[in-house]
Amino acid sequence: MTPRLLENYRKSIVPELSKKFGYKNNMQAPAVQKIVINMGVGAGREDIKIVEQAMADMANISGQKPVMTRAKKAIANFKIRKGLPVGCKVTLRGARMYEFLDRLLNIALPRIRDFRGVSPNSFDEKGNYSLGIKEQSIFPEIDVDKVQRIQGMDIIINIKSDSKDESYELLKLFGMPFTAK
C-alpha cells in the first residue's frame, strides 16, 4: 500500500512542478530522498536512562529504531569524555519517510502552541530543509502523561533538487506551512 503523500506527489505535485519549471521528464522534478531526525541529549552523560527514554520516544515517533550517537572527542568545558552517549538519530527512507512527513505536516505542526508557520529561510545551498522542534509532545504517538523530560529535535529533509526555489515549491505543494518570505 503506497502512502497518501507519495500518491499525491506522483499524481498532482510532479505535473504541477513540471509545468512551473518546464521539465521535459518527470525524473527532473525535485524529490524527497530521506528524512533525518536527530535528538541531542546533553544530560545523557550523567544518566543513560535519559538517552534510553529519548530513543524510545523517537522510535514511537518515527516507527524505526534509532541509533545512539556518542561523543567523538572529549570536551572538558562540557564535561564530556570520548564515547559518552550524547543523543540519538534515525534516517527514514521510502514509505516510512512519506508517512512521517504526512504526520508532521498535517498533525504535529498544527499542534504547536502559537504556531505561525515555519521559516522559508532554512534551506541550505543544495536545497535541503532543516527544522527544529522544541518538544516531542506535539506528535500524537507520545503520551504527554508519561513524558519525564521535554526534549527537542532537529528534522532534516534531504531533497534532490537543483535550487532552493525548487525545494521550496516542492515542500509548499506538500503542504508545509511557510511564513511569508
C-alpha atoms as a PDB file:
ATOM      1  CA  MET A   1       0.000   0.000   0.000  1.00  0.00           C
ATOM      2  CA  THR A   2       1.516   3.318  -1.050  1.00  0.00           C
ATOM      3  CA  PRO A   3       1.449   6.261   1.364  1.00  0.00           C
ATOM      4  CA  ARG A   4      -1.086   9.008   0.694  1.00  0.00           C
ATOM      5  CA  LEU A   5       1.581  11.708   0.319  1.00  0.00           C
ATOM      6  CA  LEU A   6       3.580   9.640  -2.211  1.00  0.00           C
ATOM      7  CA  GLU A   7       0.478   9.091  -4.315  1.00  0.00           C
ATOM      8  CA  ASN A   8      -0.291  12.824  -4.163  1.00  0.00           C
ATOM      9  CA  TYR A   9       3.308  13.569  -5.181  1.00  0.00           C
ATOM     10  CA  ARG A  10       3.148  11.317  -8.242  1.00  0.00           C
ATOM     11  CA  LYS A  11      -0.323  12.332  -9.444  1.00  0.00           C
ATOM     12  CA  SER A  12      -0.531  16.079  -8.790  1.00  0.00           C
ATOM     13  CA  ILE A  13       2.730  17.591  -7.500  1.00  0.00           C
ATOM     14  CA  VAL A  14       5.111  16.330 -10.229  1.00  0.00           C
ATOM     15  CA  PRO A  15       2.885  17.577 -13.105  1.00  0.00           C
ATOM     16  CA  GLU A  16       2.500  20.954 -11.401  1.00  0.00           C
ATOM     17  CA  LEU A  17       6.261  21.281 -10.838  1.00  0.00           C
ATOM     18  CA  SER A  18       6.906  20.215 -14.442  1.00  0.00           C
ATOM     19  CA  LYS A  19       4.546  22.895 -15.692  1.00  0.00           C
ATOM     20  CA  LYS A  20       6.082  25.603 -13.479  1.00  0.00           C
ATOM     21  CA  PHE A  21       9.774  24.815 -14.076  1.00  0.00           C
ATOM     22  CA  GLY A  22       9.478  23.370 -17.609  1.00  0.00           C
ATOM     23  CA  TYR A  23      10.794  19.858 -17.005  1.00  0.00           C
ATOM     24  CA  LYS A  24      10.811  17.568 -20.044  1.00  0.00           C
ATOM     25  CA  ASN A  25      10.936  14.423 -17.912  1.00  0.00           C
ATOM     26  CA  ASN A  26       9.225  13.595 -14.607  1.00  0.00           C
ATOM     27  CA  MET A  27      12.568  12.418 -13.204  1.00  0.00           C
ATOM     28  CA  GLN A  28      13.870  16.010 -13.304  1.00  0.00           C
ATOM     29  CA  ALA A  29      11.337  17.078 -10.683  1.00  0.00           C
ATOM     30  CA  PRO A  30      12.670  17.536  -7.133  1.00  0.00           C
ATOM     31  CA  ALA A  31      12.008  14.649  -4.768  1.00  0.00           C
ATOM     32  CA  VAL A  32      12.466  13.915  -1.079  1.00  0.00           C
ATOM     33  CA  GLN A  33      15.335  11.418  -0.695  1.00  0.00           C
ATOM     34  CA  LYS A  34      15.474  10.931   3.080  1.00  0.00           C
ATOM     35  CA  ILE A  35      14.494  12.488   6.395  1.00  0.00           C
ATOM     36  CA  VAL A  36      16.959  12.503   9.288  1.00  0.00           C
ATOM     37  CA  ILE A  37      15.632  13.070  12.813  1.00  0.00           C
ATOM     38  CA  ASN A  38      18.280  13.993  15.371  1.00  0.00           C
ATOM     39  CA  MET A  39      17.805  14.395  19.116  1.00  0.00           C
ATOM     40  CA  GLY A  40      20.709  15.747  21.163  1.00  0.00           C
ATOM     41  CA  VAL A  41      20.566  14.764  24.837  1.00  0.00           C
ATOM     42  CA  GLY A  42      23.298  16.592  26.727  1.00  0.00           C
ATOM     43  CA  ALA A  43      22.108  15.287  30.091  1.00  0.00           C
ATOM     44  CA  GLY A  44      22.719  11.746  28.848  1.00  0.00           C
ATOM     45  CA  ARG A  45      26.320  11.959  30.013  1.00  0.00           C
ATOM     46  CA  GLU A  46      25.113  11.735  33.621  1.00  0.00           C
ATOM     47  CA  ASP A  47      22.245   9.274  33.250  1.00  0.00           C
ATOM     48  CA  ILE A  48      21.921   6.717  30.439  1.00  0.00           C
ATOM     49  CA  LYS A  49      18.179   6.334  31.190  1.00  0.00           C
ATOM     50  CA  ILE A  50      17.537   9.818  29.758  1.00  0.00           C
ATOM     51  CA  VAL A  51      19.053   8.756  26.425  1.00  0.00           C
ATOM     52  CA  GLU A  52      17.113   5.483  26.502  1.00  0.00           C
ATOM     53  CA  GLN A  53      13.855   7.404  27.097  1.00  0.00           C
ATOM     54  CA  ALA A  54      14.690   9.743  24.195  1.00  0.00           C
ATOM     55  CA  MET A  55      15.381   6.712  21.992  1.00  0.00           C
ATOM     56  CA  ALA A  56      12.035   5.149  22.969  1.00  0.00           C
ATOM     57  CA  ASP A  57      10.206   8.394  22.155  1.00  0.00           C
ATOM     58  CA  MET A  58      11.974   8.675  18.809  1.00  0.00           C
ATOM     59  CA  ALA A  59      11.149   5.061  17.975  1.00  0.00           C
ATOM     60  CA  ASN A  60       7.461   5.795  18.661  1.00  0.00           C
ATOM     61  CA  ILE A  61       7.545   8.951  16.537  1.00  0.00           C
ATOM     62  CA  SER A  62       9.423   7.530  13.560  1.00  0.00           C
ATOM     63  CA  GLY A  63       8.356   3.879  13.593  1.00  0.00           C
ATOM     64  CA  GLN A  64      12.002   2.817  13.331  1.00  0.00           C
ATOM     65  CA  LYS A  65      14.661   2.033  15.923  1.00  0.00           C
ATOM     66  CA  PRO A  66      17.078   4.962  16.385  1.00  0.00           C
ATOM     67  CA  VAL A  67      20.857   4.770  16.649  1.00  0.00           C
ATOM     68  CA  MET A  68      22.589   6.100  19.767  1.00  0.00           C
ATOM     69  CA  THR A  69      25.155   8.783  18.963  1.00  0.00           C
ATOM     70  CA  ARG A  70      28.290   9.078  21.070  1.00  0.00           C
ATOM     71  CA  ALA A  71      30.804  11.877  21.594  1.00  0.00           C
ATOM     72  CA  LYS A  72      33.609  11.746  19.023  1.00  0.00           C
ATOM     73  CA  LYS A  73      36.072  13.578  21.223  1.00  0.00           C
ATOM     74  CA  ALA A  74      36.378  14.821  24.792  1.00  0.00           C
ATOM     75  CA  ILE A  75      35.313  18.404  25.598  1.00  0.00           C
ATOM     76  CA  ALA A  76      36.397  19.444  29.091  1.00  0.00           C
ATOM     77  CA  ASN A  77      34.183  22.555  29.314  1.00  0.00           C
ATOM     78  CA  PHE A  78      31.056  20.430  28.797  1.00  0.00           C
ATOM     79  CA  LYS A  79      32.341  17.554  30.981  1.00  0.00           C
ATOM     80  CA  ILE A  80      32.099  15.149  28.053  1.00  0.00           C
ATOM     81  CA  ARG A  81      34.503  12.265  27.565  1.00  0.00           C
ATOM     82  CA  LYS A  82      35.042  10.454  24.302  1.00  0.00           C
ATOM     83  CA  GLY A  83      32.448   7.723  23.785  1.00  0.00           C
ATOM     84  CA  LEU A  84      29.744   9.059  26.138  1.00  0.00           C
ATOM     85  CA  PRO A  85      26.167   8.915  24.757  1.00  0.00           C
ATOM     86  CA  VAL A  86      25.034  12.391  23.684  1.00  0.00           C
ATOM     87  CA  GLY A  87      21.902  11.718  21.626  1.00  0.00           C
ATOM     88  CA  CYS A  88      20.181   9.582  19.028  1.00  0.00           C
ATOM     89  CA  LYS A  89      19.221   9.771  15.379  1.00  0.00           C
ATOM     90  CA  VAL A  90      17.145   7.942  12.801  1.00  0.00           C
ATOM     91  CA  THR A  91      17.160   8.074   8.997  1.00  0.00           C
ATOM     92  CA  LEU A  92      13.843   7.460   7.233  1.00  0.00           C
ATOM     93  CA  ARG A  93      13.534   6.454   3.586  1.00  0.00           C
ATOM     94  CA  GLY A  94      10.763   5.144   1.351  1.00  0.00           C
ATOM     95  CA  ALA A  95       7.244   4.598   2.684  1.00  0.00           C
ATOM     96  CA  ARG A  96       8.136   5.375   6.325  1.00  0.00           C
ATOM     97  CA  MET A  97       9.597   8.709   5.209  1.00  0.00           C
ATOM     98  CA  TYR A  98       6.398   9.767   3.416  1.00  0.00           C
ATOM     99  CA  GLU A  99       4.196   8.610   6.307  1.00  0.00           C
ATOM    100  CA  PHE A 100       6.312  10.570   8.800  1.00  0.00           C
ATOM    101  CA  LEU A 101       6.237  13.683   6.589  1.00  0.00           C
ATOM    102  CA  ASP A 102       2.455  13.367   6.283  1.00  0.00           C
ATOM    103  CA  ARG A 103       2.061  13.151  10.078  1.00  0.00           C
ATOM    104  CA  LEU A 104       4.496  16.029  10.598  1.00  0.00           C
ATOM    105  CA  LEU A 105       2.709  18.380   8.190  1.00  0.00           C
ATOM    106  CA  ASN A 106      -0.903  17.505   8.949  1.00  0.00           C
ATOM    107  CA  ILE A 107      -0.935  16.540  12.632  1.00  0.00           C
ATOM    108  CA  ALA A 108       2.211  17.578  14.526  1.00  0.00           C
ATOM    109  CA  LEU A 109       2.963  21.107  13.263  1.00  0.00           C
ATOM    110  CA  PRO A 110      -0.626  22.373  13.755  1.00  0.00           C
ATOM    111  CA  ARG A 111      -0.450  21.176  17.404  1.00  0.00           C
ATOM    112  CA  ILE A 112       2.362  23.630  18.253  1.00  0.00           C
ATOM    113  CA  ARG A 113       1.160  26.431  20.518  1.00  0.00           C
ATOM    114  CA  ASP A 114       1.071  29.896  18.865  1.00  0.00           C
ATOM    115  CA  PHE A 115       2.189  28.386  15.564  1.00  0.00           C
ATOM    116  CA  ARG A 116       2.561  30.913  12.762  1.00  0.00           C
ATOM    117  CA  GLY A 117       4.390  28.758  10.228  1.00  0.00           C
ATOM    118  CA  VAL A 118       7.951  27.630   9.591  1.00  0.00           C
ATOM    119  CA  SER A 119      10.742  29.787   8.247  1.00  0.00           C
ATOM    120  CA  PRO A 120      11.319  29.728   4.482  1.00  0.00           C
ATOM    121  CA  ASN A 121      14.974  30.684   5.107  1.00  0.00           C
ATOM    122  CA  SER A 122      16.094  27.290   6.474  1.00  0.00           C
ATOM    123  CA  PHE A 123      17.223  25.879   3.129  1.00  0.00           C
ATOM    124  CA  ASP A 124      20.906  25.182   2.524  1.00  0.00           C
ATOM    125  CA  GLU A 125      22.698  25.696  -0.800  1.00  0.00           C
ATOM    126  CA  LYS A 126      21.725  22.246  -2.117  1.00  0.00           C
ATOM    127  CA  GLY A 127      18.031  22.731  -1.325  1.00  0.00           C
ATOM    128  CA  ASN A 128      17.777  20.620   1.863  1.00  0.00           C
ATOM    129  CA  TYR A 129      15.444  21.903   4.587  1.00  0.00           C
ATOM    130  CA  SER A 130      16.171  21.919   8.340  1.00  0.00           C
ATOM    131  CA  LEU A 131      13.523  22.306  11.010  1.00  0.00           C
ATOM    132  CA  GLY A 132      13.892  22.477  14.792  1.00  0.00           C
ATOM    133  CA  ILE A 133      11.118  21.366  17.137  1.00  0.00           C
ATOM    134  CA  LYS A 134      11.201  22.344  20.806  1.00  0.00           C
ATOM    135  CA  GLU A 135       9.207  19.462  22.290  1.00  0.00           C
ATOM    136  CA  GLN A 136       8.406  15.907  21.294  1.00  0.00           C
ATOM    137  CA  SER A 137       4.887  16.004  22.754  1.00  0.00           C
ATOM    138  CA  ILE A 138       3.396  17.551  19.576  1.00  0.00           C
ATOM    139  CA  PHE A 139       3.382  14.095  17.997  1.00  0.00           C
ATOM    140  CA  PRO A 140       0.238  12.050  18.745  1.00  0.00           C
ATOM    141  CA  GLU A 141       2.293   8.888  19.403  1.00  0.00           C
ATOM    142  CA  ILE A 142       3.769  10.418  22.568  1.00  0.00           C
ATOM    143  CA  ASP A 143       1.694  10.109  25.750  1.00  0.00           C
ATOM    144  CA  VAL A 144       2.084  13.502  27.468  1.00  0.00           C
ATOM    145  CA  ASP A 145       1.468  11.997  30.931  1.00  0.00           C
ATOM    146  CA  LYS A 146       4.454   9.654  30.584  1.00  0.00           C
ATOM    147  CA  VAL A 147       6.920  12.313  29.383  1.00  0.00           C
ATOM    148  CA  GLN A 148       9.569  12.763  32.067  1.00  0.00           C
ATOM    149  CA  ARG A 149      11.704  15.305  30.240  1.00  0.00           C
ATOM    150  CA  ILE A 150      10.729  17.690  27.438  1.00  0.00           C
ATOM    151  CA  GLN A 151      13.134  17.068  24.579  1.00  0.00           C
ATOM    152  CA  GLY A 152      13.610  18.914  21.297  1.00  0.00           C
ATOM    153  CA  MET A 153      14.701  17.511  17.956  1.00  0.00           C
ATOM    154  CA  ASP A 154      16.050  18.526  14.572  1.00  0.00           C
ATOM    155  CA  ILE A 155      14.412  17.310  11.383  1.00  0.00           C
ATOM    156  CA  ILE A 156      16.416  17.498   8.152  1.00  0.00           C
ATOM    157  CA  ILE A 157      14.544  16.893   4.902  1.00  0.00           C
ATOM    158  CA  ASN A 158      17.030  15.891   2.204  1.00  0.00           C
ATOM    159  CA  ILE A 159      15.693  16.947  -1.201  1.00  0.00           C
ATOM    160  CA  LYS A 160      17.111  16.047  -4.605  1.00  0.00           C
ATOM    161  CA  SER A 161      16.860  19.346  -6.473  1.00  0.00           C
ATOM    162  CA  ASP A 162      18.930  21.922  -8.330  1.00  0.00           C
ATOM    163  CA  SER A 163      17.991  25.017  -6.325  1.00  0.00           C
ATOM    164  CA  LYS A 164      16.345  26.373  -3.193  1.00  0.00           C
ATOM    165  CA  ASP A 165      13.353  27.606  -5.226  1.00  0.00           C
ATOM    166  CA  GLU A 166      12.555  24.116  -6.496  1.00  0.00           C
ATOM    167  CA  SER A 167      12.810  22.662  -2.977  1.00  0.00           C
ATOM    168  CA  TYR A 168      10.665  25.466  -1.564  1.00  0.00           C
ATOM    169  CA  GLU A 169       7.991  24.863  -4.188  1.00  0.00           C
ATOM    170  CA  LEU A 170       8.026  21.090  -3.555  1.00  0.00           C
ATOM    171  CA  LEU A 171       7.527  21.486   0.210  1.00  0.00           C
ATOM    172  CA  LYS A 172       4.890  24.168  -0.362  1.00  0.00           C
ATOM    173  CA  LEU A 173       2.928  21.782  -2.604  1.00  0.00           C
ATOM    174  CA  PHE A 174       3.275  19.039   0.037  1.00  0.00           C
ATOM    175  CA  GLY A 175       1.564  21.442   2.457  1.00  0.00           C
ATOM    176  CA  MET A 176       4.458  22.829   4.502  1.00  0.00           C
ATOM    177  CA  PRO A 177       3.061  25.906   6.324  1.00  0.00           C
ATOM    178  CA  PHE A 178       5.699  28.515   5.427  1.00  0.00           C
ATOM    179  CA  THR A 179       5.526  32.072   6.720  1.00  0.00           C
ATOM    180  CA  ALA A 180       5.593  34.904   4.166  1.00  0.00           C
ATOM    181  CA  LYS A 181       9.015  35.416   2.589  1.00  0.00           C
END
